[in-house]
Structure formats: C-alpha cells, structure tokens
Protein backbone atom coordinates (compact mmCIF):
# COMPACT_ATOMS: atom_id res chain seq x y z
CA MET A 1 0.86 -5.31 9.98
CA HIS A 2 1.03 -1.66 10.97
CA ALA A 3 2.55 0.66 8.54
CA PRO A 4 4.24 4.21 9.92
CA SER A 5 1.93 7.11 9.77
CA GLU A 6 2.11 9.99 7.61
CA GLU A 7 4.39 12.32 10.04
CA LYS A 8 6.99 9.71 10.55
CA SER A 9 10.54 9.91 8.42
CA GLU A 10 10.95 8.20 4.92
CA GLU A 11 13.66 5.89 6.53
CA LEU A 12 11.21 4.13 8.62
CA LYS A 13 8.84 4.22 6.14
CA ASP A 14 11.17 2.63 3.50
CA ILE A 15 12.42 0.43 6.23
CA PHE A 16 8.85 -0.73 6.73
CA TYR A 17 8.43 -1.59 3.08
CA GLU A 18 11.40 -3.24 2.62
CA ALA A 19 10.59 -5.80 5.29
CA LEU A 20 6.84 -5.99 4.38
CA ASP A 21 8.28 -6.89 0.93
CA GLU A 22 10.53 -9.56 2.00
CA VAL A 23 7.56 -10.94 4.41
CA PHE A 24 5.35 -11.01 1.22
CA ASP A 25 7.50 -12.40 -1.06
CA CYS A 26 7.72 -15.40 1.68
CA PHE A 27 4.12 -16.55 1.64
CA PRO A 28 3.13 -19.62 0.12
CA LYS A 29 2.23 -19.52 -3.29
CA TYR A 30 -1.26 -19.78 -3.78
CA HIS A 31 -3.87 -18.78 -6.39
CA MET A 32 -4.80 -15.85 -3.96
CA LYS A 33 -3.11 -13.99 -1.12
CA ILE A 34 -5.05 -11.08 1.36
CA LEU A 35 -2.73 -9.16 3.18
CA LEU A 36 -4.86 -7.18 6.09
CA GLY A 37 -3.83 -4.36 8.45
CA ASP A 38 -3.40 -0.52 8.55
CA PHE A 39 -1.25 1.37 6.32
CA ASN A 40 -2.25 4.47 7.68
CA ALA A 41 -2.94 5.79 4.09
CA LYS A 42 -5.16 8.12 2.56
CA ASP A 43 -5.97 7.00 -1.08
CA GLY A 44 -6.78 9.91 -3.46
CA ARG A 45 -9.08 9.47 -6.22
CA GLU A 46 -6.33 10.32 -8.68
CA ASP A 47 -7.02 8.50 -12.65
CA ILE A 48 -3.81 6.78 -12.53
CA PHE A 49 -5.19 4.76 -9.16
CA LYS A 50 -8.38 3.92 -10.55
CA PRO A 51 -7.16 0.48 -11.71
CA ILE A 52 -5.69 -0.31 -8.13
CA ILE A 53 -8.16 1.29 -5.82
CA GLY A 54 -11.01 1.57 -7.82
CA GLN A 55 -13.76 4.45 -8.19
CA GLU A 56 -14.28 5.39 -5.08
CA SER A 57 -12.35 7.24 -2.19
CA LEU A 58 -12.89 9.45 0.82
CA HIS A 59 -9.91 11.30 0.14
CA HIS A 60 -9.51 13.75 -3.35
CA ASP A 61 -5.46 13.53 -3.34
CA SER A 62 -3.15 10.87 -2.05
CA LYS A 63 -0.57 11.22 0.78
CA ASP A 64 2.66 9.91 0.75
CA ASN A 65 1.51 6.91 2.49
CA GLY A 66 -1.17 6.24 -0.01
CA VAL A 67 1.20 6.51 -2.95
CA ARG A 68 3.36 3.90 -1.01
CA LYS A 69 0.74 1.54 -0.75
CA VAL A 70 -0.83 1.64 -4.50
CA ASN A 71 3.04 1.38 -5.47
CA PHE A 72 3.55 -2.00 -3.40
CA ALA A 73 -0.29 -3.59 -4.46
CA THR A 74 1.01 -2.62 -8.12
CA SER A 75 4.07 -4.46 -7.40
CA LYS A 76 2.59 -7.51 -6.28
CA ASN A 77 -0.49 -7.59 -8.64
CA LEU A 78 -2.55 -6.42 -5.94
CA VAL A 79 -5.85 -4.43 -5.66
CA VAL A 80 -7.00 -2.58 -2.90
C-alpha cells in the first residue's frame, strides 16, 4: 500500500484509511499479520506513542500522517 503524502487533502487521506481498514479486516485471521507499505508518515517521539512506535524516531514531532498511522495501528492492535 502507499498512503497519500502529507500535503494531500484530508478527504483523500480519510478515504485511504477507510479502504485500508476494510482490506485489513478481510485478511485471514492468523496469529500474526504483517502490513508493509509506505505510509508517508513522520512519527515523533511523543511519550503517548512510545508503546506503538517504540523508543526511537528520527523526528521530534509527529505530523498528521504519523498520527493517522499510529491511530490505525492502535485500532488493530499492531506495533510500528
């Protein structure tokens, strides 16, 4: 998958994440799921995101796409 870049419209990003949500829910129910792709996201070092993205990040603050990615991962019980 390839997410819309940061400068794309909120509507386009919403459509992408709705479609991703539907496709992900159609995956067979295995013990582990791996999702690969380009989320076009900058994940920051905010303490609230550390359980999902870990201790290391190249960026200090998350951008909109980073927050969307973390929200998706959280909703699906995934780690980044």
